Amino acid sequence: MGNNLLKGKKGIISGALDPNSIAWKVAERCVEEGAEITLTNAPVAMRFGKINELGEKLNAKIIPADATNMDDLKNLFGQSMETLGGKMDFFLHSIGMSINVRKGREYTNLKHDWTLKSLDVSALSFHKMLQTAYQMDAMNDWGSVLGLSYMAAQRTFPDYSEMAEAKSMLESIARSFGYHYGTRNKVRVNTISQSPTLTTAGSGVKGFSDLYSYADKVSPLGNATAEECADYCVMMFSDLTRKVTMQNLFHDGGFINMGMSMEHFEMMNQKNEEK
């Protein structure tokens, strides 16, 4: 049951692939809180996902768009404004892809043309979405824009590979564009650094299950779920956070500030004693 936190607001949710996707949960929560939305994903992703089911469930128009293509993005924002009857109040960037990771290439042996594609899809597309909205004047004053990140932008996780660079760029774009959008339209731009989450995309990272388990044990509050991330996004899209911008917001149960938990310390001691 919602609290009408987003009543009267309009927005775009990108990246909903299947019911495990964070973007899927965000879309559901936004509508539950009273928002009207459109959904978007790359045409190739739509062929393998279940976004049509979500569109029917939420009565949301689906607008295919390659987020690296400026013409597609102009069409996305134009159709969204036409469909929803006005400018946007929020949008979510939940887009990421690495061919090198998918192909299992080591970080010390990347194909750099693939890396450039990863950066374009996973980070530069955030700037392209922001620039398109900015130039089309597609956002209402005091709107809110979010990108989903991960703490590999600050800490080293070897198997996360080049996606660490992509997330670093994503967070930098939020800070830089947040200044320009804030001074002109009071639009706030932030990223959310989410816990390891059991999504289709996340589970494709080598060693993900071990990383998920480790983070859950070390974090005082445990890993944040996709549903909890959706709640956080709703708050960030609402008028309750009108003065929060240019921030990377950690939503990870406290993991970012931990060294080692007592539980993990005791586990390590037990393993050493068994040797």
Protein backbone atom coordinates (compact mmCIF):
# COMPACT_ATOMS: atom_id res chain seq x y z
CA MET A 1 0.00 0.00 0.00
CA GLY A 2 1.54 3.30 -1.09
CA ASN A 3 1.61 6.69 0.61
CA ASN A 4 1.20 8.82 -2.54
CA LEU A 5 4.78 10.08 -2.24
CA LEU A 6 4.92 10.46 -6.03
CA LYS A 7 1.32 11.43 -6.69
CA GLY A 8 1.08 13.61 -9.79
CA LYS A 9 4.68 12.95 -10.85
CA LYS A 10 5.82 11.60 -14.20
CA GLY A 11 8.96 9.65 -14.94
CA ILE A 12 10.99 7.28 -17.08
CA ILE A 13 12.40 3.98 -15.82
CA SER A 14 15.15 2.39 -17.89
CA GLY A 15 16.66 -1.07 -17.63
CA ALA A 16 13.79 -3.25 -16.38
CA LEU A 17 14.66 -6.68 -17.78
CA ASP A 18 12.81 -9.18 -15.60
CA PRO A 19 11.23 -9.37 -12.12
CA ASN A 20 14.69 -9.69 -10.55
CA SER A 21 15.83 -6.32 -11.93
CA ILE A 22 16.16 -3.38 -9.56
CA ALA A 23 14.59 -1.20 -12.26
CA TRP A 24 11.58 -3.54 -12.35
CA LYS A 25 11.08 -3.08 -8.60
CA VAL A 26 11.55 0.69 -8.91
CA ALA A 27 8.90 0.89 -11.63
CA GLU A 28 6.43 -1.04 -9.50
CA ARG A 29 7.06 1.12 -6.42
CA CYS A 30 6.83 4.39 -8.36
CA VAL A 31 3.41 3.47 -9.70
CA GLU A 32 2.35 2.23 -6.27
CA GLU A 33 3.28 5.66 -4.90
CA GLY A 34 1.10 7.42 -7.46
CA ALA A 35 3.48 8.17 -10.34
CA GLU A 36 2.81 7.75 -14.04
CA ILE A 37 5.74 6.29 -15.95
CA THR A 38 7.06 5.10 -19.26
CA LEU A 39 9.46 2.16 -19.55
CA THR A 40 12.47 1.85 -21.80
CA ASN A 41 15.22 -0.59 -22.64
CA ALA A 42 17.45 -1.36 -25.59
CA PRO A 43 15.65 -3.30 -28.34
CA VAL A 44 18.10 -6.21 -28.01
CA ALA A 45 17.48 -6.42 -24.24
CA MET A 46 13.73 -6.29 -24.77
CA ARG A 47 13.86 -9.41 -26.92
CA PHE A 48 15.32 -11.42 -24.04
CA GLY A 49 13.45 -9.83 -21.15
CA LYS A 50 9.90 -9.61 -19.89
CA ILE A 51 9.35 -5.87 -20.02
CA ASN A 52 6.07 -6.29 -21.91
CA GLU A 53 4.60 -8.05 -18.87
CA LEU A 54 5.60 -5.11 -16.67
CA GLY A 55 4.15 -2.61 -19.10
CA GLU A 56 0.80 -4.38 -19.06
CA LYS A 57 0.82 -4.70 -15.29
CA LEU A 58 1.56 -1.01 -14.71
CA ASN A 59 -0.32 0.35 -17.72
CA ALA A 60 2.96 1.94 -18.80
CA LYS A 61 3.97 2.64 -22.37
CA ILE A 62 7.17 0.92 -23.48
CA ILE A 63 9.45 3.03 -25.66
CA PRO A 64 12.44 1.10 -27.08
CA ALA A 65 15.65 3.15 -27.01
CA ASP A 66 19.36 2.50 -27.36
CA ALA A 67 20.68 4.78 -24.60
CA THR A 68 23.89 5.35 -26.58
CA ASN A 69 21.95 6.76 -29.54
CA MET A 70 20.99 10.44 -29.28
CA ASP A 71 18.14 10.15 -31.80
CA ASP A 72 16.64 7.28 -29.81
CA LEU A 73 16.88 9.33 -26.63
CA LYS A 74 15.23 12.36 -28.21
CA ASN A 75 12.40 10.09 -29.27
CA LEU A 76 12.23 8.59 -25.76
CA PHE A 77 11.83 11.93 -24.00
CA GLY A 78 9.57 13.32 -26.71
CA GLN A 79 7.22 10.33 -26.64
CA SER A 80 7.26 10.24 -22.85
CA MET A 81 6.18 13.87 -22.61
CA GLU A 82 3.50 13.30 -25.21
CA THR A 83 2.22 10.11 -23.54
CA LEU A 84 2.27 11.42 -19.98
CA GLY A 85 1.10 14.92 -20.85
CA GLY A 86 3.99 17.04 -19.69
CA LYS A 87 7.59 17.22 -18.57
CA MET A 88 9.27 14.54 -16.48
CA ASP A 89 9.76 14.79 -12.72
CA PHE A 90 12.27 11.93 -12.52
CA PHE A 91 14.13 9.28 -14.43
CA LEU A 92 16.24 6.25 -13.53
CA HIS A 93 19.39 5.14 -15.34
CA SER A 94 19.80 1.42 -14.67
CA ILE A 95 21.96 0.39 -17.60
CA GLY A 96 25.19 -1.58 -17.65
CA MET A 97 27.03 -3.99 -19.90
CA SER A 98 30.57 -5.32 -20.30
CA ILE A 99 31.51 -7.56 -23.20
CA ASN A 100 34.90 -8.24 -21.60
CA VAL A 101 33.23 -9.49 -18.41
CA ARG A 102 30.70 -11.47 -20.38
CA LYS A 103 33.47 -13.12 -22.39
CA GLY A 104 35.52 -13.84 -19.29
CA ARG A 105 38.54 -11.76 -20.26
CA GLU A 106 40.93 -10.88 -17.46
CA TYR A 107 41.38 -7.21 -16.50
CA THR A 108 45.03 -7.43 -17.60
CA ASN A 109 43.99 -8.65 -21.05
CA LEU A 110 41.06 -6.48 -22.06
CA LYS A 111 39.96 -5.83 -25.62
CA HIS A 112 39.93 -2.06 -25.48
CA ASP A 113 37.38 -1.56 -28.23
CA TRP A 114 35.04 -3.62 -26.05
CA THR A 115 35.99 -1.44 -23.06
CA LEU A 116 34.99 1.67 -24.97
CA LYS A 117 31.64 0.06 -25.69
CA SER A 118 31.24 -0.80 -22.00
CA LEU A 119 31.93 2.79 -20.99
CA ASP A 120 29.51 4.11 -23.60
CA VAL A 121 26.68 1.79 -22.54
CA SER A 122 27.26 1.81 -18.79
CA ALA A 123 28.32 5.41 -18.11
CA LEU A 124 28.37 7.80 -21.04
CA SER A 125 24.73 6.88 -21.71
CA PHE A 126 23.93 8.58 -18.39
CA HIS A 127 25.40 11.82 -19.73
CA LYS A 128 23.55 11.34 -23.01
CA MET A 129 20.23 10.92 -21.20
CA LEU A 130 20.91 13.97 -19.05
CA GLN A 131 22.06 16.07 -22.01
CA THR A 132 19.00 15.09 -24.04
CA ALA A 133 16.63 15.99 -21.21
CA TYR A 134 18.54 19.23 -20.57
CA GLN A 135 18.53 20.38 -24.19
CA MET A 136 14.89 19.40 -24.72
CA ASP A 137 13.88 21.09 -21.44
CA ALA A 138 12.16 17.82 -20.62
CA MET A 139 12.40 17.98 -16.81
CA ASN A 140 10.25 19.97 -14.43
CA ASP A 141 12.01 22.22 -11.93
CA TRP A 142 13.00 20.34 -8.76
CA GLY A 143 13.04 17.05 -10.64
CA SER A 144 15.25 14.13 -9.66
CA VAL A 145 17.60 11.90 -11.69
CA LEU A 146 19.22 8.72 -10.40
CA GLY A 147 21.87 6.34 -11.70
CA LEU A 148 22.62 2.97 -10.12
CA SER A 149 26.25 2.44 -9.15
CA TYR A 150 28.41 0.06 -7.12
CA MET A 151 31.22 0.56 -4.63
CA ALA A 152 33.78 -0.91 -7.05
CA ALA A 153 34.08 2.74 -8.09
CA GLN A 154 35.90 3.29 -4.77
CA ARG A 155 37.20 -0.17 -3.80
CA THR A 156 38.96 -2.86 -5.81
CA PHE A 157 37.00 -5.97 -6.73
CA PRO A 158 39.20 -7.78 -9.28
CA ASP A 159 36.45 -9.70 -11.07
CA TYR A 160 34.31 -6.56 -11.51
CA SER A 161 36.92 -5.58 -14.08
CA GLU A 162 36.33 -2.55 -16.32
CA MET A 163 32.88 -1.98 -14.85
CA ALA A 164 34.71 -0.29 -11.96
CA GLU A 165 35.87 2.42 -14.37
CA ALA A 166 32.35 2.66 -15.76
CA LYS A 167 30.85 3.23 -12.31
CA SER A 168 33.53 5.81 -11.49
CA MET A 169 32.58 7.71 -14.63
CA LEU A 170 28.87 7.37 -13.84
CA GLU A 171 29.36 8.95 -10.41
CA SER A 172 31.51 11.75 -11.83
CA ILE A 173 28.84 12.56 -14.41
CA ALA A 174 26.26 12.87 -11.62
CA ARG A 175 28.45 15.42 -9.83
CA SER A 176 29.27 17.43 -12.93
CA PHE A 177 25.83 17.45 -14.54
CA GLY A 178 24.24 17.91 -11.12
CA TYR A 179 25.85 21.34 -10.93
CA HIS A 180 24.59 22.48 -14.34
CA TYR A 181 21.08 21.05 -13.97
CA GLY A 182 20.81 22.35 -10.43
CA THR A 183 21.75 25.91 -11.25
CA ARG A 184 19.37 26.08 -14.21
CA ASN A 185 16.35 24.04 -13.16
CA LYS A 186 16.94 22.92 -9.57
CA VAL A 187 17.04 19.37 -10.92
CA ARG A 188 19.04 17.10 -8.64
CA VAL A 189 21.29 14.34 -9.93
CA ASN A 190 22.58 11.52 -7.75
CA THR A 191 23.85 7.96 -7.90
CA ILE A 192 22.97 5.12 -5.54
CA SER A 193 25.73 2.66 -4.71
CA GLN A 194 23.75 -0.51 -4.07
CA SER A 195 24.72 -3.72 -2.27
CA PRO A 196 25.50 -6.81 -4.35
CA THR A 197 21.99 -7.73 -5.46
CA LEU A 198 20.54 -10.97 -6.79
CA THR A 199 19.73 -9.75 -10.30
CA THR A 200 20.22 -11.35 -13.70
CA ALA A 201 22.99 -8.87 -14.52
CA GLY A 202 24.73 -9.14 -11.15
CA SER A 203 24.82 -12.92 -11.17
CA GLY A 204 26.80 -12.78 -14.43
CA VAL A 205 29.87 -11.43 -12.60
CA LYS A 206 32.47 -14.09 -11.78
CA GLY A 207 32.41 -15.05 -8.10
CA PHE A 208 29.20 -13.13 -7.49
CA SER A 209 27.70 -15.62 -5.04
CA ASP A 210 30.81 -15.48 -2.84
CA LEU A 211 30.86 -11.67 -3.02
CA TYR A 212 27.17 -11.51 -2.13
CA SER A 213 27.66 -13.79 0.87
CA TYR A 214 30.76 -11.91 2.07
CA ALA A 215 29.06 -8.51 1.85
CA ASP A 216 26.01 -9.82 3.66
CA LYS A 217 28.14 -11.10 6.55
CA VAL A 218 30.31 -7.98 6.85
CA SER A 219 27.52 -5.40 6.58
CA PRO A 220 25.97 -4.63 10.00
CA LEU A 221 22.51 -4.48 8.44
CA GLY A 222 23.11 -7.11 5.75
CA ASN A 223 22.77 -6.57 2.02
CA ALA A 224 20.07 -4.23 0.78
CA THR A 225 17.56 -6.03 -1.43
CA ALA A 226 16.23 -4.86 -4.78
CA GLU A 227 12.92 -4.03 -3.10
CA GLU A 228 14.69 -1.90 -0.49
CA CYS A 229 16.63 -0.13 -3.23
CA ALA A 230 13.33 0.65 -4.91
CA ASP A 231 12.08 2.21 -1.68
CA TYR A 232 15.21 4.37 -1.55
CA CYS A 233 14.71 5.46 -5.16
CA VAL A 234 11.12 6.46 -4.41
CA MET A 235 12.36 8.63 -1.55
CA MET A 236 14.95 10.23 -3.83
CA PHE A 237 12.32 10.93 -6.48
CA SER A 238 9.97 12.45 -3.91
CA ASP A 239 9.88 16.01 -2.59
CA LEU A 240 11.40 14.80 0.69
CA THR A 241 14.92 15.04 -0.76
CA ARG A 242 14.78 18.34 -2.63
CA LYS A 243 18.19 19.52 -1.41
CA VAL A 244 20.14 16.29 -2.02
CA THR A 245 22.21 16.46 -5.20
CA MET A 246 25.61 15.64 -6.70
CA GLN A 247 25.96 12.77 -4.23
CA ASN A 248 26.90 9.11 -4.43
CA LEU A 249 24.61 7.58 -1.83
CA PHE A 250 25.63 4.25 -0.32
CA HIS A 251 22.75 1.84 0.14
CA ASP A 252 24.65 -1.20 1.31
CA GLY A 253 23.85 -1.97 4.94
CA GLY A 254 26.99 -0.17 6.10
CA PHE A 255 29.45 -2.24 4.06
CA ILE A 256 31.34 0.77 2.68
CA ASN A 257 32.52 1.75 6.17
CA MET A 258 33.43 -1.71 7.43
CA GLY A 259 36.84 -3.31 7.77
CA MET A 260 35.96 -6.77 9.04
CA SER A 261 32.95 -7.88 11.06
CA MET A 262 33.38 -10.01 14.17
CA GLU A 263 31.45 -12.81 12.46
CA HIS A 264 33.84 -12.80 9.54
CA PHE A 265 36.86 -12.50 11.85
CA GLU A 266 35.72 -15.56 13.79
CA MET A 267 35.16 -17.50 10.56
CA MET A 268 38.71 -16.69 9.42
CA ASN A 269 40.14 -17.78 12.78
CA GLN A 270 38.20 -21.04 12.62
CA LYS A 271 39.54 -21.79 9.15
CA ASN A 272 43.11 -21.07 10.29
CA GLU A 273 42.68 -23.40 13.29
CA GLU A 274 41.42 -26.17 11.00
CA LYS A 275 44.57 -25.98 8.84
